[in-house]
N, C-alpha and C. Protein backbone atom coordinates (compact mmCIF):
# COMPACT_ATOMS: atom_id res chain seq x y z
N UNK A 1 -165.38 -38.80 -56.82
CA UNK A 1 -165.38 -39.14 -58.74
C UNK A 1 -164.43 -37.81 -59.42
N UNK A 2 -164.33 -38.35 -60.40
CA UNK A 2 -164.13 -37.99 -61.55
C UNK A 2 -164.96 -37.73 -62.72
N UNK A 3 -165.05 -36.81 -63.28
CA UNK A 3 -166.23 -36.80 -64.29
C UNK A 3 -165.22 -36.81 -65.74
N UNK A 4 -165.63 -37.56 -66.52
CA UNK A 4 -165.08 -37.26 -67.65
C UNK A 4 -166.06 -36.05 -68.26
N UNK A 5 -165.46 -36.01 -70.06
CA UNK A 5 -166.48 -34.91 -70.06
C UNK A 5 -166.96 -35.32 -71.55
N UNK A 6 -166.84 -36.96 -71.78
CA UNK A 6 -168.11 -37.34 -73.01
C UNK A 6 -169.17 -37.84 -72.29
N UNK A 7 -169.54 -37.45 -71.28
CA UNK A 7 -171.49 -37.62 -70.52
C UNK A 7 -171.51 -36.53 -69.37
N UNK A 8 -172.97 -36.43 -69.82
CA UNK A 8 -173.15 -35.17 -68.57
C UNK A 8 -172.99 -35.65 -67.18
N UNK A 9 -172.45 -34.68 -66.15
CA UNK A 9 -172.40 -35.38 -64.69
C UNK A 9 -173.80 -35.91 -64.56
N UNK A 10 -174.79 -35.46 -64.76
CA UNK A 10 -176.22 -36.10 -64.15
C UNK A 10 -176.06 -38.08 -64.37
N UNK A 11 -175.62 -38.01 -65.78
CA UNK A 11 -175.73 -39.08 -66.26
C UNK A 11 -174.71 -39.92 -65.20
N UNK A 12 -173.42 -38.78 -65.37
CA UNK A 12 -172.27 -39.87 -64.99
C UNK A 12 -172.74 -40.42 -63.42
N UNK A 13 -173.26 -39.53 -62.50
CA UNK A 13 -173.94 -39.62 -61.22
C UNK A 13 -175.12 -41.00 -61.50
N UNK A 14 -176.47 -41.47 -62.60
CA UNK A 14 -176.77 -42.63 -63.02
C UNK A 14 -175.90 -43.25 -62.73
N UNK A 15 -175.41 -43.37 -63.19
CA UNK A 15 -173.88 -44.33 -63.32
C UNK A 15 -173.73 -44.87 -62.21
N UNK A 16 -173.11 -44.30 -61.28
CA UNK A 16 -172.68 -44.52 -60.54
C UNK A 16 -173.74 -45.36 -59.30
N UNK A 17 -175.15 -44.63 -59.58
CA UNK A 17 -176.10 -45.41 -58.70
C UNK A 17 -176.20 -46.86 -59.20
N UNK A 18 -176.05 -47.03 -60.76
CA UNK A 18 -175.98 -48.31 -61.61
C UNK A 18 -174.85 -49.40 -60.45
N UNK A 19 -174.04 -48.58 -60.35
CA UNK A 19 -172.87 -49.37 -60.00
C UNK A 19 -173.03 -49.59 -58.65
N UNK A 20 -173.42 -49.13 -57.27
CA UNK A 20 -174.13 -49.62 -56.49
C UNK A 20 -175.14 -50.39 -56.25
N UNK A 21 -176.11 -50.47 -57.19
CA UNK A 21 -177.26 -51.63 -57.16
C UNK A 21 -176.99 -52.94 -57.52
N UNK A 22 -175.32 -52.31 -59.15
CA UNK A 22 -175.72 -53.65 -59.70
C UNK A 22 -174.45 -54.61 -59.02
N UNK A 23 -173.62 -54.01 -57.76
CA UNK A 23 -172.73 -54.84 -57.26
C UNK A 23 -173.43 -54.96 -55.94
N UNK A 24 -174.27 -54.71 -55.42
CA UNK A 24 -175.53 -54.97 -53.95
C UNK A 24 -174.74 -54.26 -53.20
N UNK A 25 -174.16 -53.13 -53.26
CA UNK A 25 -174.06 -52.09 -52.07
C UNK A 25 -175.59 -51.62 -51.54
N UNK A 26 -175.95 -51.20 -52.48
CA UNK A 26 -177.50 -50.73 -52.33
C UNK A 26 -178.82 -51.67 -52.76
N UNK A 27 -179.21 -52.12 -51.58
CA UNK A 27 -180.47 -53.70 -51.84
C UNK A 27 -181.36 -52.94 -52.08
N UNK A 28 -182.51 -53.57 -52.16
CA UNK A 28 -184.00 -53.22 -52.51
C UNK A 28 -184.56 -52.89 -51.08
N UNK A 29 -185.15 -51.82 -51.23
CA UNK A 29 -185.71 -51.43 -49.86
C UNK A 29 -184.51 -50.10 -49.40
N UNK A 30 -183.40 -50.08 -49.62
CA UNK A 30 -182.32 -49.07 -48.59
C UNK A 30 -182.70 -47.75 -49.14
N UNK A 31 -182.67 -47.47 -48.26
CA UNK A 31 -183.02 -45.47 -48.71
C UNK A 31 -181.37 -45.29 -49.53
N UNK A 32 -181.69 -44.50 -50.22
CA UNK A 32 -180.44 -43.81 -51.31
C UNK A 32 -179.98 -42.42 -50.52
N UNK A 33 -178.84 -42.74 -50.49
CA UNK A 33 -178.10 -41.01 -49.97
C UNK A 33 -179.27 -39.66 -50.17
N UNK A 34 -179.48 -38.97 -49.25
CA UNK A 34 -180.25 -37.78 -49.57
C UNK A 34 -179.55 -36.82 -50.82
N UNK A 35 -180.04 -35.98 -51.81
CA UNK A 35 -180.25 -35.81 -52.68
C UNK A 35 -178.56 -34.32 -52.16
N UNK A 36 -179.28 -33.98 -51.11
CA UNK A 36 -177.88 -32.88 -50.55
C UNK A 36 -176.48 -33.65 -50.54
N UNK A 37 -176.68 -35.01 -49.64
CA UNK A 37 -175.62 -35.81 -49.29
C UNK A 37 -174.86 -36.27 -50.39
N UNK A 38 -175.12 -36.71 -51.35
CA UNK A 38 -174.56 -36.87 -53.06
C UNK A 38 -174.06 -36.01 -53.55
N UNK A 39 -174.24 -34.80 -53.38
CA UNK A 39 -174.17 -33.24 -54.07
C UNK A 39 -172.74 -33.23 -53.23
N UNK A 40 -172.44 -32.81 -51.87
CA UNK A 40 -171.67 -32.35 -51.21
C UNK A 40 -170.57 -33.32 -51.05
N UNK A 41 -170.56 -35.12 -52.05
CA UNK A 41 -170.19 -36.02 -52.31
C UNK A 41 -169.15 -35.61 -53.30
N UNK A 42 -169.86 -35.95 -53.99
CA UNK A 42 -169.44 -35.29 -55.72
C UNK A 42 -169.05 -33.73 -56.31
N UNK A 43 -169.44 -33.12 -54.97
CA UNK A 43 -168.95 -31.38 -54.95
C UNK A 43 -169.79 -30.90 -56.34
N UNK A 44 -171.13 -31.31 -56.46
CA UNK A 44 -171.95 -30.57 -57.89
C UNK A 44 -173.07 -30.17 -57.31
N UNK A 45 -173.74 -29.59 -57.73
CA UNK A 45 -174.82 -28.88 -57.37
C UNK A 45 -175.80 -29.75 -56.88
N UNK A 46 -176.74 -29.06 -56.27
CA UNK A 46 -177.73 -30.39 -55.84
C UNK A 46 -178.73 -30.18 -57.07
N UNK A 47 -178.64 -29.68 -57.81
CA UNK A 47 -180.00 -29.61 -58.93
C UNK A 47 -179.72 -30.92 -59.73
N UNK A 48 -178.33 -30.78 -59.89
CA UNK A 48 -177.07 -31.78 -61.03
C UNK A 48 -177.92 -33.67 -60.51
N UNK A 49 -177.76 -33.27 -59.23
CA UNK A 49 -178.13 -34.62 -58.07
C UNK A 49 -179.87 -34.97 -58.49
N UNK A 50 -180.83 -33.96 -57.81
CA UNK A 50 -181.96 -34.09 -58.52
C UNK A 50 -182.75 -34.80 -59.71
N UNK A 51 -181.76 -34.39 -61.02
CA UNK A 51 -182.17 -34.80 -62.30
C UNK A 51 -181.85 -36.16 -62.45
N UNK A 52 -180.49 -36.32 -61.51
CA UNK A 52 -180.45 -38.18 -61.73
C UNK A 52 -181.13 -38.89 -61.10
N UNK A 53 -182.02 -38.21 -59.93
CA UNK A 53 -182.53 -38.85 -59.23
C UNK A 53 -184.45 -39.18 -59.92
N UNK A 54 -184.38 -38.14 -60.44
CA UNK A 54 -185.57 -38.19 -61.42
C UNK A 54 -185.22 -38.74 -62.41
N UNK A 55 -184.49 -39.05 -63.22
CA UNK A 55 -184.23 -40.06 -63.79
C UNK A 55 -184.89 -41.52 -63.44
N UNK A 56 -184.16 -41.90 -62.32
CA UNK A 56 -184.11 -43.25 -61.82
C UNK A 56 -185.25 -43.25 -61.07
N UNK A 57 -185.83 -42.22 -60.79
CA UNK A 57 -187.16 -42.78 -60.72
C UNK A 57 -188.38 -42.88 -61.62
N UNK A 58 -188.36 -42.07 -62.75
CA UNK A 58 -189.02 -42.39 -63.96
C UNK A 58 -188.65 -43.87 -64.37
N UNK A 59 -187.36 -43.93 -64.34
CA UNK A 59 -187.48 -45.48 -64.67
C UNK A 59 -187.67 -46.76 -63.66
N UNK A 60 -188.73 -46.22 -62.44
CA UNK A 60 -188.77 -47.16 -61.61
C UNK A 60 -187.54 -47.58 -60.90
N UNK A 61 -186.40 -47.27 -60.75
CA UNK A 61 -185.39 -47.75 -59.82
C UNK A 61 -185.21 -47.00 -58.43
N UNK A 62 -186.03 -45.96 -57.98
CA UNK A 62 -185.77 -45.44 -56.98
C UNK A 62 -187.54 -45.21 -56.72
N UNK A 63 -187.88 -44.78 -55.53
CA UNK A 63 -189.61 -44.97 -55.48
C UNK A 63 -189.15 -43.54 -54.11
N UNK A 64 -189.53 -42.45 -54.99
CA UNK A 64 -189.91 -41.34 -53.68
C UNK A 64 -190.77 -41.57 -52.60
N UNK A 65 -190.49 -41.62 -51.40
CA UNK A 65 -191.14 -41.62 -50.52
C UNK A 65 -191.47 -40.05 -49.58
N UNK A 66 -192.35 -39.04 -50.49
CA UNK A 66 -192.51 -37.65 -49.48
C UNK A 66 -192.37 -37.22 -48.19
N UNK A 67 -190.83 -36.49 -47.70
CA UNK A 67 -190.23 -36.16 -46.36
C UNK A 67 -189.75 -37.62 -46.26
N UNK A 68 -189.25 -38.30 -46.78
CA UNK A 68 -188.87 -39.26 -46.11
C UNK A 68 -187.16 -39.55 -46.65
N UNK A 69 -187.66 -39.51 -48.30
CA UNK A 69 -186.16 -39.85 -48.87
C UNK A 69 -186.38 -40.40 -50.15
N UNK A 70 -185.68 -41.05 -51.20
CA UNK A 70 -185.25 -41.78 -52.10
C UNK A 70 -185.04 -43.35 -51.66
N UNK A 71 -185.80 -44.52 -52.12
CA UNK A 71 -185.63 -45.88 -51.79
C UNK A 71 -185.36 -46.86 -53.24
N UNK A 72 -184.31 -47.79 -52.78
CA UNK A 72 -184.30 -48.68 -53.90
C UNK A 72 -185.79 -49.83 -54.04
N UNK A 73 -186.08 -49.66 -55.33
CA UNK A 73 -187.36 -50.71 -55.51
C UNK A 73 -186.45 -51.82 -55.53
N UNK A 74 -187.66 -52.48 -55.38
CA UNK A 74 -188.06 -54.10 -55.00
C UNK A 74 -187.50 -54.53 -56.39
N UNK A 75 -187.28 -54.08 -58.02
CA UNK A 75 -186.80 -54.84 -58.85
C UNK A 75 -185.77 -54.16 -59.39
N UNK A 76 -185.26 -52.84 -58.73
CA UNK A 76 -184.28 -52.26 -59.40
C UNK A 76 -183.41 -52.82 -60.36
N UNK A 77 -182.96 -54.01 -59.66
CA UNK A 77 -181.42 -54.45 -59.96
C UNK A 77 -181.81 -55.39 -61.63
N UNK A 78 -182.86 -55.54 -62.06
CA UNK A 78 -183.57 -56.55 -63.14
C UNK A 78 -183.32 -54.92 -64.60
N UNK A 79 -184.25 -53.52 -63.46
CA UNK A 79 -184.55 -52.79 -64.00
C UNK A 79 -183.12 -51.51 -64.79
N UNK A 80 -182.08 -52.08 -63.93
CA UNK A 80 -180.77 -51.40 -64.36
C UNK A 80 -180.20 -52.25 -65.53
N UNK A 81 -180.02 -53.55 -65.06
CA UNK A 81 -179.63 -54.71 -66.45
C UNK A 81 -180.30 -54.28 -67.49
N UNK A 82 -181.35 -53.91 -67.77
CA UNK A 82 -182.05 -53.76 -69.04
C UNK A 82 -181.53 -52.61 -69.28
N UNK A 83 -181.81 -51.77 -68.35
CA UNK A 83 -180.90 -50.19 -69.15
C UNK A 83 -179.33 -50.29 -69.37
N UNK A 84 -178.80 -50.86 -68.70
CA UNK A 84 -177.75 -51.27 -68.93
C UNK A 84 -177.00 -52.34 -70.07
N UNK A 85 -177.97 -53.19 -70.59
CA UNK A 85 -177.91 -53.72 -71.80
C UNK A 85 -178.36 -53.10 -73.32
N UNK A 86 -179.41 -52.34 -72.61
CA UNK A 86 -180.05 -51.46 -73.88
C UNK A 86 -179.05 -50.43 -74.45
N UNK A 87 -178.24 -49.62 -73.41
CA UNK A 87 -177.20 -48.77 -73.86
C UNK A 87 -175.96 -49.70 -74.46
N UNK A 88 -175.77 -50.77 -73.83
CA UNK A 88 -174.35 -51.89 -74.41
C UNK A 88 -174.34 -51.72 -75.87
N UNK A 89 -175.95 -52.43 -75.97
CA UNK A 89 -176.07 -53.03 -77.73
C UNK A 89 -176.54 -52.34 -78.42
N UNK A 90 -177.11 -50.42 -78.00
CA UNK A 90 -176.93 -49.85 -78.81
C UNK A 90 -175.45 -49.19 -79.39
N UNK A 91 -174.69 -48.79 -77.69
CA UNK A 91 -173.54 -47.82 -78.18
C UNK A 91 -172.51 -48.34 -78.68
N UNK A 92 -172.23 -49.79 -77.57
CA UNK A 92 -170.86 -50.61 -77.74
C UNK A 92 -170.41 -51.62 -78.75
N UNK A 93 -171.68 -52.37 -78.91
CA UNK A 93 -171.70 -53.56 -79.51
C UNK A 93 -171.34 -53.22 -81.02
N UNK A 94 -172.41 -51.43 -81.69
CA UNK A 94 -172.10 -51.05 -83.08
C UNK A 94 -170.46 -51.14 -83.60
N UNK A 95 -169.80 -50.16 -82.47
CA UNK A 95 -168.54 -50.40 -82.53
C UNK A 95 -167.63 -51.09 -81.98
N UNK A 96 -167.80 -52.07 -81.52
CA UNK A 96 -167.09 -53.88 -81.28
C UNK A 96 -167.16 -54.30 -82.89
N UNK A 97 -168.20 -54.50 -83.01
CA UNK A 97 -168.63 -55.02 -84.88
C UNK A 97 -167.72 -54.09 -86.02
N UNK A 98 -167.76 -52.97 -85.68
CA UNK A 98 -167.48 -52.19 -87.03
C UNK A 98 -165.32 -52.86 -86.88
N UNK A 99 -165.04 -52.59 -85.42
CA UNK A 99 -163.42 -52.95 -85.41
C UNK A 99 -163.01 -54.33 -85.48
N UNK A 100 -164.00 -55.18 -85.82
CA UNK A 100 -163.94 -56.53 -85.84
C UNK A 100 -163.64 -56.85 -87.23
N UNK A 101 -164.60 -56.32 -88.24
CA UNK A 101 -165.40 -56.13 -89.69
C UNK A 101 -163.51 -55.06 -89.94
N UNK A 102 -162.96 -54.04 -89.62
CA UNK A 102 -162.06 -53.11 -90.11
C UNK A 102 -160.73 -53.78 -89.72
N UNK A 103 -160.74 -54.99 -89.06
CA UNK A 103 -159.12 -55.39 -87.99
C UNK A 103 -158.97 -56.85 -88.88
N UNK A 104 -160.51 -57.79 -89.46
CA UNK A 104 -160.41 -58.59 -89.83
C UNK A 104 -160.28 -60.01 -89.05
N UNK A 105 -160.98 -59.37 -87.53
CA UNK A 105 -160.94 -60.27 -86.82
C UNK A 105 -162.24 -61.56 -86.51
N UNK A 106 -161.97 -62.58 -86.89
CA UNK A 106 -162.71 -63.83 -86.96
C UNK A 106 -163.81 -63.66 -85.79
N UNK A 107 -164.78 -63.94 -85.63
CA UNK A 107 -165.64 -64.17 -84.38
C UNK A 107 -165.35 -65.39 -83.76
N UNK A 108 -164.96 -66.35 -84.78
CA UNK A 108 -164.71 -67.77 -83.93
C UNK A 108 -163.38 -67.34 -83.12
N UNK A 109 -161.98 -66.59 -83.32
CA UNK A 109 -161.96 -66.36 -82.09
C UNK A 109 -162.02 -65.50 -80.38
N UNK A 110 -163.19 -64.49 -81.07
CA UNK A 110 -163.85 -64.19 -79.95
C UNK A 110 -164.55 -65.25 -79.45
N UNK A 111 -165.05 -66.26 -79.77
CA UNK A 111 -165.90 -67.19 -79.47
C UNK A 111 -164.88 -68.08 -78.17
N UNK A 112 -163.97 -67.75 -78.51
CA UNK A 112 -163.12 -69.13 -77.69
C UNK A 112 -162.33 -68.70 -76.38
N UNK A 113 -162.14 -66.74 -77.13
CA UNK A 113 -161.75 -66.15 -75.47
C UNK A 113 -162.93 -66.24 -74.76
N UNK A 114 -164.34 -65.82 -75.29
CA UNK A 114 -165.55 -65.78 -74.33
C UNK A 114 -165.43 -67.19 -73.28
N UNK A 115 -165.16 -68.18 -74.32
CA UNK A 115 -165.68 -69.75 -73.75
C UNK A 115 -164.04 -70.41 -73.18
N UNK A 116 -163.38 -69.39 -72.95
CA UNK A 116 -161.72 -69.40 -72.32
C UNK A 116 -161.81 -70.86 -73.03
N UNK A 117 -161.16 -70.87 -74.21
CA UNK A 117 -161.03 -72.35 -74.80
C UNK A 117 -159.25 -72.29 -74.92
């Protein structure tokens, strides 16, 4: 993974996990990679991965079974979609709307593009 400087590494790992869940590479009940495995895979400190896993557990995307590992929860897909939607609406939509206004783009042009007309 190529990390970027615009977002913390632990949050980029969370985004990577989100992708695994959204693409169904990781399904409900699947065991997640261990903290050590992911740390080696991404060449980061295990504490960084643990911070990601704590976030995922706090948001009910992962379930920690002590001594066994982390598992994808049954409703992880819905939780990820809600978190991603919230982030999209708070961060990306305002920038998009600002650009529409600055460029004088009519919203109907966008609607036609979305509807493939």
